[in-house]
C-alpha atoms as a PDB file:
ATOM      1  CA  MET A   1      19.997 -47.200 -54.601  1.00  0.00           C
ATOM      2  CA  VAL A   2      16.252 -47.447 -53.978  1.00  0.00           C
ATOM      3  CA  GLY A   3      16.830 -47.784 -50.239  1.00  0.00           C
ATOM      4  CA  PHE A   4      18.952 -44.657 -50.211  1.00  0.00           C
ATOM      5  CA  VAL A   5      16.276 -42.625 -52.050  1.00  0.00           C
ATOM      6  CA  GLY A   6      13.621 -43.821 -49.641  1.00  0.00           C
ATOM      7  CA  ARG A   7      15.748 -42.837 -46.665  1.00  0.00           C
ATOM      8  CA  ARG A   8      16.466 -39.473 -48.262  1.00  0.00           C
ATOM      9  CA  GLU A   9      12.742 -38.822 -48.821  1.00  0.00           C
ATOM     10  CA  LYS A  10      12.052 -39.845 -45.235  1.00  0.00           C
ATOM     11  CA  SER A  11      14.825 -37.527 -44.064  1.00  0.00           C
ATOM     12  CA  ASP A  12      13.419 -34.657 -46.151  1.00  0.00           C
ATOM     13  CA  GLU A  13       9.965 -35.285 -44.704  1.00  0.00           C
ATOM     14  CA  GLU A  14      11.326 -35.335 -41.137  1.00  0.00           C
ATOM     15  CA  GLU A  15      13.173 -32.102 -41.864  1.00  0.00           C
ATOM     16  CA  LYS A  16       9.952 -30.489 -43.102  1.00  0.00           C
ATOM     17  CA  VAL A  17       8.119 -31.644 -39.971  1.00  0.00           C
ATOM     18  CA  LEU A  18      10.908 -30.281 -37.764  1.00  0.00           C
ATOM     19  CA  ARG A  19      10.931 -26.965 -39.644  1.00  0.00           C
ATOM     20  CA  ARG A  20       7.150 -26.621 -39.247  1.00  0.00           C
ATOM     21  CA  ARG A  21       7.428 -27.472 -35.552  1.00  0.00           C
ATOM     22  CA  ASN A  22      10.280 -24.981 -35.163  1.00  0.00           C
ATOM     23  CA  GLU A  23       8.225 -22.271 -36.911  1.00  0.00           C
ATOM     24  CA  GLN A  24       5.277 -23.066 -34.659  1.00  0.00           C
ATOM     25  CA  LEU A  25       7.456 -22.839 -31.546  1.00  0.00           C
ATOM     26  CA  GLU A  26       8.965 -19.535 -32.730  1.00  0.00           C
ATOM     27  CA  LYS A  27       5.471 -18.151 -33.334  1.00  0.00           C
ATOM     28  CA  GLU A  28       4.368 -19.253 -29.853  1.00  0.00           C
ATOM     29  CA  LEU A  29       7.489 -17.656 -28.392  1.00  0.00           C
ATOM     30  CA  ARG A  30       6.751 -14.331 -30.115  1.00  0.00           C
ATOM     31  CA  GLU A  31       3.143 -14.441 -28.906  1.00  0.00           C
ATOM     32  CA  SER A  32       4.323 -15.247 -25.407  1.00  0.00           C
ATOM     33  CA  GLN A  33       6.750 -12.324 -25.496  1.00  0.00           C
ATOM     34  CA  VAL A  34       3.954 -10.004 -26.620  1.00  0.00           C
ATOM     35  CA  ARG A  35       1.735 -11.241 -23.764  1.00  0.00           C
ATOM     36  CA  GLU A  36       4.617 -10.812 -21.324  1.00  0.00           C
ATOM     37  CA  GLU A  37       5.152  -7.210 -22.452  1.00  0.00           C
ATOM     38  CA  GLN A  38       1.435  -6.496 -22.132  1.00  0.00           C
ATOM     39  CA  MET A  39       1.432  -7.950 -18.622  1.00  0.00           C
ATOM     40  CA  LYS A  40       4.439  -5.814 -17.677  1.00  0.00           C
ATOM     41  CA  LYS A  41       2.624  -2.703 -18.889  1.00  0.00           C
ATOM     42  CA  GLU A  42      -0.524  -3.713 -17.020  1.00  0.00           C
ATOM     43  CA  LEU A  43       1.496  -4.333 -13.866  1.00  0.00           C
ATOM     44  CA  GLN A  44       3.146  -0.916 -14.218  1.00  0.00           C
ATOM     45  CA  ARG A  45      -0.281   0.738 -14.559  1.00  0.00           C
ATOM     46  CA  ALA A  46      -1.498  -1.153 -11.481  1.00  0.00           C
ATOM     47  CA  TRP A  47       1.556   0.005  -9.486  1.00  0.00           C
ATOM     48  CA  GLU A  48       0.863   3.588 -10.552  1.00  0.00           C
ATOM     49  CA  ARG A  49      -2.795   3.326  -9.505  1.00  0.00           C
ATOM     50  CA  LEU A  50      -1.682   1.876  -6.170  1.00  0.00           C
ATOM     51  CA  ARG A  51       0.780   4.740  -5.638  1.00  0.00           C
ATOM     52  CA  VAL A  52      -1.924   7.312  -6.393  1.00  0.00           C
ATOM     53  CA  ALA A  53      -4.366   5.538  -4.071  1.00  0.00           C
ATOM     54  CA  GLU A  54      -1.797   5.443  -1.250  1.00  0.00           C
ATOM     55  CA  GLU A  55      -1.079   9.160  -1.646  1.00  0.00           C
ATOM     56  CA  ALA A  56      -4.810   9.899  -1.604  1.00  0.00           C
ATOM     57  CA  GLU A  57      -5.200   7.775   1.522  1.00  0.00           C
ATOM     58  CA  GLU A  58      -2.419   9.728   3.243  1.00  0.00           C
ATOM     59  CA  ARG A  59      -4.058  13.047   2.335  1.00  0.00           C
ATOM     60  CA  LEU A  60      -7.446  11.840   3.554  1.00  0.00           C
ATOM     61  CA  CYS A  61      -5.977  10.605   6.831  1.00  0.00           C
ATOM     62  CA  SER A  62      -4.290  13.958   7.341  1.00  0.00           C
ATOM     63  CA  GLN A  63      -7.511  15.826   6.602  1.00  0.00           C
ATOM     64  CA  LEU A  64      -9.454  13.524   8.901  1.00  0.00           C
ATOM     65  CA  GLY A  65      -6.989  14.170  11.713  1.00  0.00           C
ATOM     66  CA  GLU A  66      -7.347  17.925  11.230  1.00  0.00           C
ATOM     67  CA  LEU A  67     -11.131  17.648  11.226  1.00  0.00           C
ATOM     68  CA  GLU A  68     -11.094  15.530  14.378  1.00  0.00           C
ATOM     69  CA  ALA A  69      -8.905  18.092  16.148  1.00  0.00           C
ATOM     70  CA  GLU A  70     -11.226  20.888  15.004  1.00  0.00           C
ATOM     71  CA  ALA A  71     -14.284  18.921  16.198  1.00  0.00           C
ATOM     72  CA  VAL A  72     -12.703  18.375  19.630  1.00  0.00           C
ATOM     73  CA  GLN A  73     -11.932  22.090  19.918  1.00  0.00           C
ATOM     74  CA  GLN A  74     -15.472  23.013  18.884  1.00  0.00           C
ATOM     75  CA  ALA A  75     -16.887  20.579  21.456  1.00  0.00           C
ATOM     76  CA  ARG A  76     -14.714  22.134  24.173  1.00  0.00           C
ATOM     77  CA  ASP A  77     -15.778  25.641  23.158  1.00  0.00           C
ATOM     78  CA  TYR A  78     -19.427  24.573  23.109  1.00  0.00           C
ATOM     79  CA  ASN A  79     -19.094  22.955  26.537  1.00  0.00           C
ATOM     80  CA  ALA A  80     -17.429  26.080  27.942  1.00  0.00           C
ATOM     81  CA  ARG A  81     -20.219  28.257  26.498  1.00  0.00           C
ATOM     82  CA  ILE A  82     -22.885  26.023  28.053  1.00  0.00           C
ATOM     83  CA  LEU A  83     -21.163  26.200  31.444  1.00  0.00           C
ATOM     84  CA  SER A  84     -20.995  29.974  31.142  1.00  0.00           C
ATOM     85  CA  LEU A  85     -24.701  30.186  30.321  1.00  0.00           C
ATOM     86  CA  VAL A  86     -25.583  27.825  33.194  1.00  0.00           C
ATOM     87  CA  ASN A  87     -23.631  30.080  35.571  1.00  0.00           C
ATOM     88  CA  GLN A  88     -25.354  33.183  34.207  1.00  0.00           C
ATOM     89  CA  LEU A  89     -28.747  31.541  34.580  1.00  0.00           C
ATOM     90  CA  SER A  90     -27.942  30.429  38.105  1.00  0.00           C
ATOM     91  CA  LEU A  91     -26.935  33.959  39.050  1.00  0.00           C
ATOM     92  CA  ALA A  92     -30.101  35.370  37.474  1.00  0.00           C
ATOM     93  CA  HIS A  93     -32.315  33.042  39.543  1.00  0.00           C
ATOM     94  CA  GLN A  94     -30.619  34.067  42.745  1.00  0.00           C
ATOM     95  CA  GLY A  95     -31.890  37.567  42.276  1.00  0.00           C
ATOM     96  CA  PRO A  96     -30.120  40.793  43.086  1.00  0.00           C
ATOM     97  CA  PRO A  97     -27.912  40.791  46.134  1.00  0.00           C
ATOM     98  CA  PRO A  98     -29.613  42.296  49.217  1.00  0.00           C
ATOM     99  CA  GLN A  99     -29.003  45.985  49.693  1.00  0.00           C
ATOM    100  CA  THR A 100     -27.475  47.127  52.927  1.00  0.00           C
ATOM    101  CA  ALA A 101     -28.714  50.317  54.567  1.00  0.00           C
ATOM    102  CA  VAL A 102     -26.162  52.969  55.149  1.00  0.00           C
END
């Protein structure tokens, strides 16, 4: 009978150890699930920031293209104005056309 009691106490002790280990593992699992949920939320926020940044980049590229087109047009207008002024200056230096007697 003494051997049986000793085995029973050993079995009870092993059961307590297993229960504590099981509780520890369950706690770690819950903590892991909380961390996983936090990471999912953080990833979602990062995706949203990326989407906003991509939209902003598209708008900026569009605006840049419009500004480049406007700058090219202004440069062409400026060049045409300079050519016009050069022609006017050239004509002014030539003097009045000679008058013919009638």
